[in-house]
Protein backbone atom coordinates (compact mmCIF):
# COMPACT_ATOMS: atom_id res chain seq x y z
CA MET A 1 27.29 50.15 9.48
CA PRO A 2 27.84 53.90 9.42
CA TYR A 3 26.23 54.10 12.89
CA THR A 4 26.90 52.28 16.11
CA VAL A 5 23.51 52.08 17.83
CA THR A 6 23.29 51.65 21.60
CA PRO A 7 19.93 51.32 23.34
CA THR A 8 19.58 53.10 26.66
CA HIS A 9 17.85 51.39 29.59
CA ILE A 10 14.66 52.57 27.85
CA PRO A 11 14.80 50.26 24.81
CA ASP A 12 13.15 52.63 22.28
CA LEU A 13 15.52 55.49 23.15
CA LEU A 14 18.71 55.05 21.12
CA VAL A 15 22.18 56.61 21.08
CA LEU A 16 23.74 56.68 17.62
CA GLU A 17 27.43 57.21 16.98
CA PRO A 18 28.34 57.83 13.36
CA LYS A 19 31.57 56.59 11.85
CA VAL A 20 33.92 59.62 11.84
CA PHE A 21 36.89 59.88 9.51
CA GLY A 22 39.51 62.23 10.89
CA ASP A 23 43.12 63.24 10.53
CA ALA A 24 45.29 66.30 11.21
CA ARG A 25 43.19 68.34 8.76
CA GLY A 26 39.89 67.78 10.56
CA PHE A 27 37.08 65.25 10.18
CA PHE A 28 34.24 64.08 7.97
CA PHE A 29 31.16 62.05 8.73
CA GLU A 30 27.77 61.50 7.19
CA SER A 31 25.45 63.01 9.80
CA PHE A 32 22.32 61.50 8.29
CA ASN A 33 21.41 59.00 5.60
CA GLN A 34 17.80 57.76 5.61
CA GLN A 35 18.65 54.30 4.34
CA ASP A 36 21.50 53.81 6.84
CA PHE A 37 19.38 55.18 9.71
CA ASN A 38 16.56 52.75 8.91
CA GLN A 39 18.92 49.80 8.61
CA ALA A 40 20.92 50.61 11.77
CA THR A 41 17.87 51.27 13.98
CA GLY A 42 15.32 48.89 12.47
CA LEU A 43 12.98 51.86 12.15
CA ASN A 44 11.31 53.34 9.10
CA MET A 45 10.88 57.00 10.03
CA GLN A 46 10.42 59.88 7.65
CA PHE A 47 11.78 63.23 8.78
CA VAL A 48 9.89 66.35 7.69
CA GLN A 49 11.58 69.24 9.48
CA ASP A 50 15.09 70.27 10.58
CA ASN A 51 15.55 72.67 13.50
CA HIS A 52 18.59 74.53 14.80
CA SER A 53 18.75 76.31 18.14
CA ARG A 54 21.59 78.24 19.76
CA SER A 55 21.50 78.68 23.52
CA ALA A 56 23.76 80.21 26.15
CA GLN A 57 25.29 78.33 29.06
CA GLY A 58 22.73 77.27 31.65
CA VAL A 59 19.75 77.55 29.31
CA LEU A 60 17.41 74.63 29.91
CA ARG A 61 14.85 73.91 27.21
CA GLY A 62 12.14 71.40 28.05
CA LEU A 63 10.72 69.04 28.82
CA HIS A 64 8.67 69.45 25.62
CA TYR A 65 6.36 67.24 23.60
CA GLN A 66 3.37 67.53 21.27
CA LEU A 67 0.23 65.76 22.41
CA GLN A 68 -1.12 65.63 18.85
CA GLN A 69 1.22 65.39 15.89
CA PRO A 70 3.81 63.80 18.22
CA GLN A 71 7.34 64.24 16.98
CA GLY A 72 10.12 61.72 16.90
CA LYS A 73 13.42 63.60 17.10
CA LEU A 74 16.96 62.81 16.01
CA VAL A 75 19.07 65.27 18.01
CA ARG A 76 22.74 66.28 18.01
CA VAL A 77 25.11 69.10 18.92
CA VAL A 78 27.39 70.74 16.35
CA ARG A 79 28.93 73.35 18.64
CA GLY A 80 29.40 73.15 22.39
CA ALA A 81 27.98 70.61 24.82
CA VAL A 82 24.60 69.78 26.33
CA PHE A 83 23.10 67.27 28.72
CA ASP A 84 20.19 65.84 26.74
CA VAL A 85 17.22 64.18 28.48
CA ALA A 86 14.20 62.19 27.33
CA VAL A 87 11.32 60.99 29.53
CA ASP A 88 8.97 58.19 28.52
CA ILE A 89 5.43 59.58 28.88
CA ARG A 90 3.60 56.70 27.19
CA GLN A 91 1.23 55.55 29.95
CA SER A 92 1.07 51.99 28.57
CA SER A 93 4.87 51.63 28.48
CA PRO A 94 6.74 49.54 31.06
CA THR A 95 9.24 52.42 31.28
CA PHE A 96 6.58 55.13 31.79
CA GLY A 97 7.98 58.05 33.79
CA GLN A 98 11.59 56.91 33.42
CA TRP A 99 14.27 59.16 31.97
CA ALA A 100 17.63 58.78 30.28
CA GLY A 101 20.32 61.41 29.80
CA VAL A 102 23.26 61.63 27.41
CA GLU A 103 25.97 64.24 27.05
CA LEU A 104 26.08 65.42 23.45
CA THR A 105 29.10 67.41 22.31
CA GLU A 106 30.64 68.75 19.16
CA ASP A 107 33.52 66.32 19.74
CA ASN A 108 31.69 63.06 20.51
CA HIS A 109 29.30 63.46 17.52
CA LYS A 110 26.66 61.35 19.31
CA GLN A 111 23.04 61.58 18.27
CA VAL A 112 19.95 60.52 20.19
CA TRP A 113 16.78 59.09 18.70
CA VAL A 114 13.86 60.32 20.84
CA PRO A 115 10.69 58.47 19.75
CA PRO A 116 7.22 60.00 19.66
CA GLY A 117 5.66 59.67 23.11
CA PHE A 118 8.66 61.10 24.95
CA ALA A 119 9.15 64.50 26.56
CA HIS A 120 12.52 65.99 25.61
CA GLY A 121 14.82 68.66 26.96
CA PHE A 122 18.43 69.70 27.34
CA VAL A 123 20.64 72.04 29.33
CA VAL A 124 23.67 73.80 27.87
CA LEU A 125 26.97 72.92 29.59
CA SER A 126 29.37 74.99 27.44
CA ASP A 127 29.50 78.77 26.93
CA SER A 128 26.91 78.25 24.21
CA ALA A 129 25.68 75.36 22.09
CA ASP A 130 24.21 74.82 18.66
CA PHE A 131 21.63 72.04 18.84
CA LEU A 132 20.20 70.44 15.69
CA TYR A 133 17.30 68.07 15.41
CA LYS A 134 15.25 66.39 12.74
CA THR A 135 11.56 65.75 13.44
CA THR A 136 9.06 63.21 12.13
CA ASP A 137 6.15 65.66 12.26
CA TYR A 138 5.76 69.40 11.93
CA TYR A 139 5.89 71.81 14.84
CA ALA A 140 2.35 72.47 16.08
CA PRO A 141 2.43 75.05 18.89
CA GLN A 142 -1.25 74.49 19.71
CA HIS A 143 -0.39 70.89 20.67
CA GLU A 144 2.89 71.59 22.49
CA ARG A 145 3.07 70.81 26.19
CA SER A 146 5.80 71.07 28.82
CA ILE A 147 6.57 68.99 31.88
CA ALA A 148 8.50 70.56 34.75
CA TRP A 149 12.21 69.93 34.37
CA ASP A 150 12.59 69.46 38.13
CA ASP A 151 9.59 67.19 38.80
CA PRO A 152 10.68 65.10 41.81
CA VAL A 153 8.54 62.16 40.65
CA ILE A 154 10.66 61.87 37.49
CA GLY A 155 13.84 62.64 39.45
CA ILE A 156 16.19 63.67 36.66
CA THR A 157 19.78 63.92 37.86
CA TRP A 158 20.80 67.15 36.15
CA PRO A 159 24.45 68.30 36.27
CA PRO A 160 25.49 69.51 39.74
CA GLY A 161 25.08 73.19 40.60
CA LEU A 162 22.55 73.79 37.84
CA GLN A 163 20.88 77.21 38.00
CA PRO A 164 18.77 76.91 34.85
CA LYS A 165 17.73 79.79 32.66
CA LEU A 166 14.14 79.01 31.67
CA SER A 167 11.61 80.48 29.28
CA ALA A 168 8.29 81.66 30.71
CA LYS A 169 6.67 78.57 29.16
CA ASP A 170 9.10 76.25 30.93
CA GLN A 171 8.79 78.12 34.22
CA SER A 172 5.06 77.37 34.22
CA ALA A 173 5.36 73.72 33.14
CA LYS A 174 3.27 71.19 35.04
CA PRO A 175 4.50 68.13 36.90
CA LEU A 176 4.05 64.76 35.22
CA ALA A 177 1.06 63.89 37.45
CA GLU A 178 -0.86 66.92 36.15
CA SER A 179 0.17 66.65 32.50
CA GLU A 180 -1.78 65.44 29.50
CA LEU A 181 -0.06 62.26 28.37
CA PHE A 182 -0.08 59.64 25.65
């Protein structure tokens, strides 16, 4: 398999590690192949949009989701390092309200599959980071919602000493208990 797939403690949330071919000249890997993704994960997702964000150190984006047109996301970092977090906000799920975090870096090449029904966010650990993600539905700002990154009920263990730089939208995000959910 071109990917090694490791479930997190939240079974639907997956960490994918592609097979990387490297030598003294550099490296090569296939970052995405629909057929291989489907076979490795057991999923049959169609991706419709690719996004690329660049953020400075300490920028925290999230926890975002779309209430309608929910997006599954396949996320990775191509420059720098981030701590990536997903929170299960499916009220009928046995892991509702639980989170998982993974460090994604330009060197470890890890990717995370974040299913629809999860809130997602990340904080930049390096001087800056380029973050890429594929989505299973189109961005719909009228349906976008944010959950507070520091909600004590969720209890995310962010990197120590974090002084996040937040957008106005993320500064006004609601706690999980006050959020519209799936």
